[in-house]
Amino acid sequence: MFGLPAKQAEQPLEFTARAEFFEPVEILRQATSINAELFSLSGLRHPYQEGVLGAIEVGAYADILLIDGNPLKDIEIMTNPEKNFRIIMKNGVIYKNTLPK
């Protein structure tokens, strides 16, 4: 997956593992806003001191995914980013864009 090390490439499978215990909306919150809250509680260890996490605004740290499908209905679509992620943006840089031009 995108030339990532093997362990990192397997990270999306965590969505499947969590599906046994949590609803899709809970899994997405765990992977996004709850992680942002944990960072904010980590004081000086917080790696993103210069901006807000999880907000889409100027100066914020916001990663954006445009997903082909609805992960609230089928969390499995999160396990295949090559197929289902149409746009991947991190720190304002677009790493993948498969939308028609």
N, C-alpha and C. Protein backbone atom coordinates (compact mmCIF):
# COMPACT_ATOMS: atom_id res chain seq x y z
N MET A 1 0.84 -1.19 0.00
CA MET A 1 0.00 0.00 0.00
C MET A 1 0.87 1.24 0.00
N PHE A 2 0.89 1.96 -1.09
CA PHE A 2 1.62 3.22 -1.23
C PHE A 2 3.07 3.10 -0.80
N GLY A 3 3.69 1.93 -0.93
CA GLY A 3 5.09 1.75 -0.58
C GLY A 3 5.38 1.83 0.91
N LEU A 4 4.42 1.51 1.74
CA LEU A 4 4.60 1.58 3.19
C LEU A 4 5.24 0.30 3.71
N PRO A 5 5.94 0.40 4.86
CA PRO A 5 6.44 -0.82 5.50
C PRO A 5 5.29 -1.78 5.80
N ALA A 6 5.60 -3.08 5.87
CA ALA A 6 4.57 -4.11 6.00
C ALA A 6 3.63 -3.88 7.17
N LYS A 7 4.15 -3.57 8.36
CA LYS A 7 3.27 -3.38 9.52
C LYS A 7 2.34 -2.18 9.32
N GLN A 8 2.87 -1.11 8.75
CA GLN A 8 2.04 0.06 8.52
C GLN A 8 0.99 -0.23 7.45
N ALA A 9 1.32 -1.02 6.47
CA ALA A 9 0.37 -1.37 5.41
C ALA A 9 -0.79 -2.20 5.95
N GLU A 10 -0.58 -2.89 7.08
CA GLU A 10 -1.63 -3.71 7.68
C GLU A 10 -2.54 -2.92 8.62
N GLN A 11 -2.21 -1.66 8.88
CA GLN A 11 -2.99 -0.85 9.81
C GLN A 11 -4.48 -0.80 9.49
N PRO A 12 -4.88 -0.69 8.22
CA PRO A 12 -6.33 -0.64 7.95
C PRO A 12 -7.10 -1.85 8.45
N LEU A 13 -6.43 -2.97 8.64
CA LEU A 13 -7.12 -4.17 9.12
C LEU A 13 -7.64 -3.99 10.54
N GLU A 14 -7.15 -2.98 11.23
CA GLU A 14 -7.64 -2.68 12.58
C GLU A 14 -9.14 -2.38 12.55
N PHE A 15 -9.62 -1.78 11.47
CA PHE A 15 -11.06 -1.50 11.36
C PHE A 15 -11.87 -2.79 11.42
N THR A 16 -11.39 -3.82 10.76
CA THR A 16 -12.07 -5.12 10.78
C THR A 16 -12.04 -5.71 12.19
N ALA A 17 -10.89 -5.66 12.83
CA ALA A 17 -10.76 -6.23 14.17
C ALA A 17 -11.69 -5.53 15.17
N ARG A 18 -11.82 -4.23 15.06
CA ARG A 18 -12.68 -3.49 16.00
C ARG A 18 -14.16 -3.72 15.73
N ALA A 19 -14.50 -4.10 14.49
CA ALA A 19 -15.92 -4.26 14.11
C ALA A 19 -16.62 -5.34 14.93
N GLU A 20 -15.86 -6.24 15.50
CA GLU A 20 -16.46 -7.28 16.34
C GLU A 20 -17.03 -6.69 17.63
N PHE A 21 -16.49 -5.55 18.07
CA PHE A 21 -16.86 -4.99 19.37
C PHE A 21 -17.55 -3.63 19.30
N PHE A 22 -17.38 -2.90 18.19
CA PHE A 22 -17.89 -1.53 18.09
C PHE A 22 -18.68 -1.32 16.81
N GLU A 23 -19.57 -0.35 16.85
CA GLU A 23 -20.30 0.09 15.67
C GLU A 23 -19.37 0.94 14.80
N PRO A 24 -19.62 1.01 13.49
CA PRO A 24 -18.75 1.80 12.62
C PRO A 24 -18.53 3.24 13.07
N VAL A 25 -19.57 3.92 13.54
CA VAL A 25 -19.40 5.30 13.97
C VAL A 25 -18.42 5.39 15.14
N GLU A 26 -18.47 4.42 16.05
CA GLU A 26 -17.55 4.41 17.19
C GLU A 26 -16.12 4.18 16.73
N ILE A 27 -15.93 3.30 15.77
CA ILE A 27 -14.60 3.01 15.25
C ILE A 27 -14.01 4.25 14.59
N LEU A 28 -14.82 4.96 13.81
CA LEU A 28 -14.33 6.18 13.15
C LEU A 28 -13.99 7.25 14.17
N ARG A 29 -14.77 7.38 15.21
CA ARG A 29 -14.45 8.35 16.27
C ARG A 29 -13.14 7.98 16.97
N GLN A 30 -12.96 6.69 17.24
CA GLN A 30 -11.72 6.24 17.88
C GLN A 30 -10.51 6.58 17.03
N ALA A 31 -10.65 6.42 15.73
CA ALA A 31 -9.52 6.64 14.81
C ALA A 31 -9.27 8.12 14.53
N THR A 32 -10.23 8.98 14.85
CA THR A 32 -10.09 10.40 14.49
C THR A 32 -10.17 11.31 15.71
N SER A 33 -11.36 11.70 16.09
CA SER A 33 -11.50 12.73 17.13
C SER A 33 -11.00 12.29 18.49
N ILE A 34 -11.17 11.03 18.85
CA ILE A 34 -10.67 10.59 20.15
C ILE A 34 -9.14 10.62 20.18
N ASN A 35 -8.50 10.23 19.09
CA ASN A 35 -7.04 10.34 19.02
C ASN A 35 -6.59 11.79 19.12
N ALA A 36 -7.31 12.70 18.50
CA ALA A 36 -6.98 14.12 18.60
C ALA A 36 -7.09 14.60 20.05
N GLU A 37 -8.12 14.14 20.77
CA GLU A 37 -8.26 14.49 22.19
C GLU A 37 -7.10 13.96 23.02
N LEU A 38 -6.69 12.74 22.73
CA LEU A 38 -5.55 12.15 23.47
C LEU A 38 -4.28 12.95 23.24
N PHE A 39 -4.03 13.37 22.01
CA PHE A 39 -2.86 14.21 21.74
C PHE A 39 -2.93 15.49 22.57
N SER A 40 -4.10 16.11 22.62
CA SER A 40 -4.22 17.39 23.35
C SER A 40 -3.99 17.21 24.84
N LEU A 41 -4.20 16.01 25.36
CA LEU A 41 -3.98 15.74 26.78
C LEU A 41 -2.53 15.37 27.11
N SER A 42 -1.69 15.23 26.10
CA SER A 42 -0.34 14.73 26.33
C SER A 42 0.69 15.82 26.63
N GLY A 43 0.23 17.06 26.82
CA GLY A 43 1.12 18.14 27.22
C GLY A 43 2.26 18.38 26.25
N LEU A 44 3.48 18.46 26.76
CA LEU A 44 4.64 18.77 25.92
C LEU A 44 4.98 17.63 24.95
N ARG A 45 4.46 16.47 25.19
CA ARG A 45 4.68 15.34 24.26
C ARG A 45 3.79 15.44 23.02
N HIS A 46 2.84 16.32 23.05
CA HIS A 46 1.91 16.53 21.94
C HIS A 46 2.72 16.97 20.72
N PRO A 47 2.73 16.17 19.64
CA PRO A 47 3.58 16.49 18.49
C PRO A 47 3.05 17.60 17.58
N TYR A 48 1.84 18.07 17.83
CA TYR A 48 1.23 19.07 16.95
C TYR A 48 0.88 20.32 17.74
N GLN A 49 1.87 21.02 18.22
CA GLN A 49 1.67 22.16 19.11
C GLN A 49 1.21 23.43 18.39
N GLU A 50 1.52 23.54 17.10
CA GLU A 50 1.30 24.81 16.40
C GLU A 50 -0.11 25.05 15.90
N GLY A 51 -0.97 24.06 15.94
CA GLY A 51 -2.30 24.25 15.40
C GLY A 51 -3.32 23.32 16.02
N VAL A 52 -4.55 23.55 15.69
CA VAL A 52 -5.67 22.74 16.19
C VAL A 52 -5.71 21.42 15.42
N LEU A 53 -6.04 20.35 16.11
CA LEU A 53 -6.22 19.04 15.46
C LEU A 53 -7.69 18.81 15.16
N GLY A 54 -7.95 18.20 14.04
CA GLY A 54 -9.30 17.74 13.73
C GLY A 54 -10.27 18.80 13.25
N ALA A 55 -9.78 20.00 12.99
CA ALA A 55 -10.65 21.05 12.45
C ALA A 55 -10.20 21.36 11.03
N ILE A 56 -11.11 21.73 10.20
CA ILE A 56 -10.74 22.15 8.85
C ILE A 56 -10.83 23.66 8.83
N GLU A 57 -9.69 24.27 9.11
CA GLU A 57 -9.58 25.73 9.15
C GLU A 57 -8.12 26.11 8.92
N VAL A 58 -7.87 27.33 8.56
CA VAL A 58 -6.52 27.80 8.30
C VAL A 58 -5.65 27.58 9.54
N GLY A 59 -4.48 26.97 9.34
CA GLY A 59 -3.54 26.75 10.43
C GLY A 59 -3.77 25.48 11.22
N ALA A 60 -4.84 24.76 10.92
CA ALA A 60 -5.15 23.53 11.65
C ALA A 60 -4.44 22.34 11.01
N TYR A 61 -4.23 21.31 11.80
CA TYR A 61 -3.76 20.04 11.28
C TYR A 61 -4.99 19.24 10.91
N ALA A 62 -5.26 19.14 9.64
CA ALA A 62 -6.45 18.40 9.21
C ALA A 62 -6.08 17.50 8.04
N ASP A 63 -6.26 16.22 8.22
CA ASP A 63 -6.11 15.27 7.13
C ASP A 63 -7.50 15.01 6.60
N ILE A 64 -7.62 14.91 5.29
CA ILE A 64 -8.93 14.72 4.68
C ILE A 64 -8.91 13.49 3.79
N LEU A 65 -9.92 12.66 3.95
CA LEU A 65 -10.12 11.51 3.08
C LEU A 65 -11.46 11.68 2.38
N LEU A 66 -11.48 11.43 1.10
CA LEU A 66 -12.74 11.33 0.37
C LEU A 66 -12.88 9.86 0.01
N ILE A 67 -13.91 9.24 0.54
CA ILE A 67 -14.06 7.79 0.45
C ILE A 67 -15.21 7.46 -0.48
N ASP A 68 -14.98 6.49 -1.35
CA ASP A 68 -16.01 6.00 -2.25
C ASP A 68 -16.83 4.95 -1.50
N GLY A 69 -17.91 5.37 -0.89
CA GLY A 69 -18.75 4.48 -0.09
C GLY A 69 -19.06 5.13 1.24
N ASN A 70 -19.80 4.43 2.06
CA ASN A 70 -20.20 4.96 3.35
C ASN A 70 -19.68 4.05 4.46
N PRO A 71 -18.59 4.46 5.14
CA PRO A 71 -18.05 3.62 6.20
C PRO A 71 -18.98 3.46 7.40
N LEU A 72 -19.99 4.29 7.51
CA LEU A 72 -20.96 4.12 8.59
C LEU A 72 -21.86 2.91 8.33
N LYS A 73 -21.99 2.52 7.08
CA LYS A 73 -22.79 1.35 6.73
C LYS A 73 -21.91 0.11 6.54
N ASP A 74 -20.65 0.33 6.07
CA ASP A 74 -19.74 -0.78 5.82
C ASP A 74 -18.32 -0.35 6.16
N ILE A 75 -17.87 -0.63 7.37
CA ILE A 75 -16.55 -0.21 7.84
C ILE A 75 -15.44 -0.89 7.04
N GLU A 76 -15.76 -2.01 6.37
CA GLU A 76 -14.77 -2.73 5.58
C GLU A 76 -14.17 -1.89 4.45
N ILE A 77 -14.89 -0.89 3.97
CA ILE A 77 -14.31 -0.07 2.90
C ILE A 77 -13.06 0.67 3.35
N MET A 78 -12.89 0.81 4.66
CA MET A 78 -11.70 1.47 5.19
C MET A 78 -10.45 0.58 5.11
N THR A 79 -10.64 -0.71 4.85
CA THR A 79 -9.50 -1.64 4.81
C THR A 79 -8.84 -1.72 3.45
N ASN A 80 -9.39 -1.04 2.45
CA ASN A 80 -8.82 -1.08 1.11
C ASN A 80 -8.67 0.34 0.56
N PRO A 81 -7.69 1.10 1.08
CA PRO A 81 -7.55 2.49 0.65
C PRO A 81 -7.18 2.64 -0.83
N GLU A 82 -6.47 1.67 -1.38
CA GLU A 82 -6.12 1.79 -2.80
C GLU A 82 -7.37 1.85 -3.67
N LYS A 83 -8.37 1.08 -3.30
CA LYS A 83 -9.60 1.02 -4.08
C LYS A 83 -10.60 2.09 -3.67
N ASN A 84 -10.77 2.33 -2.37
CA ASN A 84 -11.90 3.13 -1.88
C ASN A 84 -11.59 4.57 -1.50
N PHE A 85 -10.33 4.92 -1.33
CA PHE A 85 -10.00 6.30 -0.98
C PHE A 85 -9.74 7.07 -2.26
N ARG A 86 -10.59 8.04 -2.55
CA ARG A 86 -10.47 8.80 -3.79
C ARG A 86 -9.50 9.97 -3.64
N ILE A 87 -9.52 10.62 -2.47
CA ILE A 87 -8.58 11.70 -2.18
C ILE A 87 -7.96 11.43 -0.81
N ILE A 88 -6.64 11.57 -0.75
CA ILE A 88 -5.93 11.52 0.53
C ILE A 88 -5.12 12.80 0.64
N MET A 89 -5.45 13.62 1.66
CA MET A 89 -4.73 14.86 1.89
C MET A 89 -4.22 14.87 3.32
N LYS A 90 -2.93 15.18 3.48
CA LYS A 90 -2.31 15.25 4.80
C LYS A 90 -1.50 16.53 4.86
N ASN A 91 -1.74 17.30 5.93
CA ASN A 91 -1.04 18.58 6.11
C ASN A 91 -1.12 19.47 4.88
N GLY A 92 -2.26 19.46 4.21
CA GLY A 92 -2.49 20.33 3.07
C GLY A 92 -1.90 19.84 1.77
N VAL A 93 -1.27 18.66 1.77
CA VAL A 93 -0.68 18.10 0.55
C VAL A 93 -1.55 16.94 0.09
N ILE A 94 -1.92 16.95 -1.19
CA ILE A 94 -2.72 15.87 -1.75
C ILE A 94 -1.77 14.76 -2.20
N TYR A 95 -1.93 13.58 -1.61
CA TYR A 95 -1.10 12.42 -1.94
C TYR A 95 -1.78 11.50 -2.94
N LYS A 96 -3.09 11.58 -3.00
CA LYS A 96 -3.83 10.76 -3.97
C LYS A 96 -5.07 11.53 -4.38
N ASN A 97 -5.35 11.52 -5.68
CA ASN A 97 -6.56 12.12 -6.21
C ASN A 97 -6.97 11.34 -7.45
N THR A 98 -8.01 10.53 -7.32
CA THR A 98 -8.47 9.74 -8.45
C THR A 98 -9.81 10.26 -8.99
N LEU A 99 -10.16 11.49 -8.63
CA LEU A 99 -11.39 12.08 -9.15
C LEU A 99 -11.19 12.45 -10.62
N PRO A 100 -12.22 12.33 -11.42
CA PRO A 100 -12.11 12.75 -12.83
C PRO A 100 -11.81 14.25 -12.91
N LYS A 101 -11.05 14.61 -13.90
CA LYS A 101 -10.68 16.04 -14.06
C LYS A 101 -11.63 16.75 -14.96
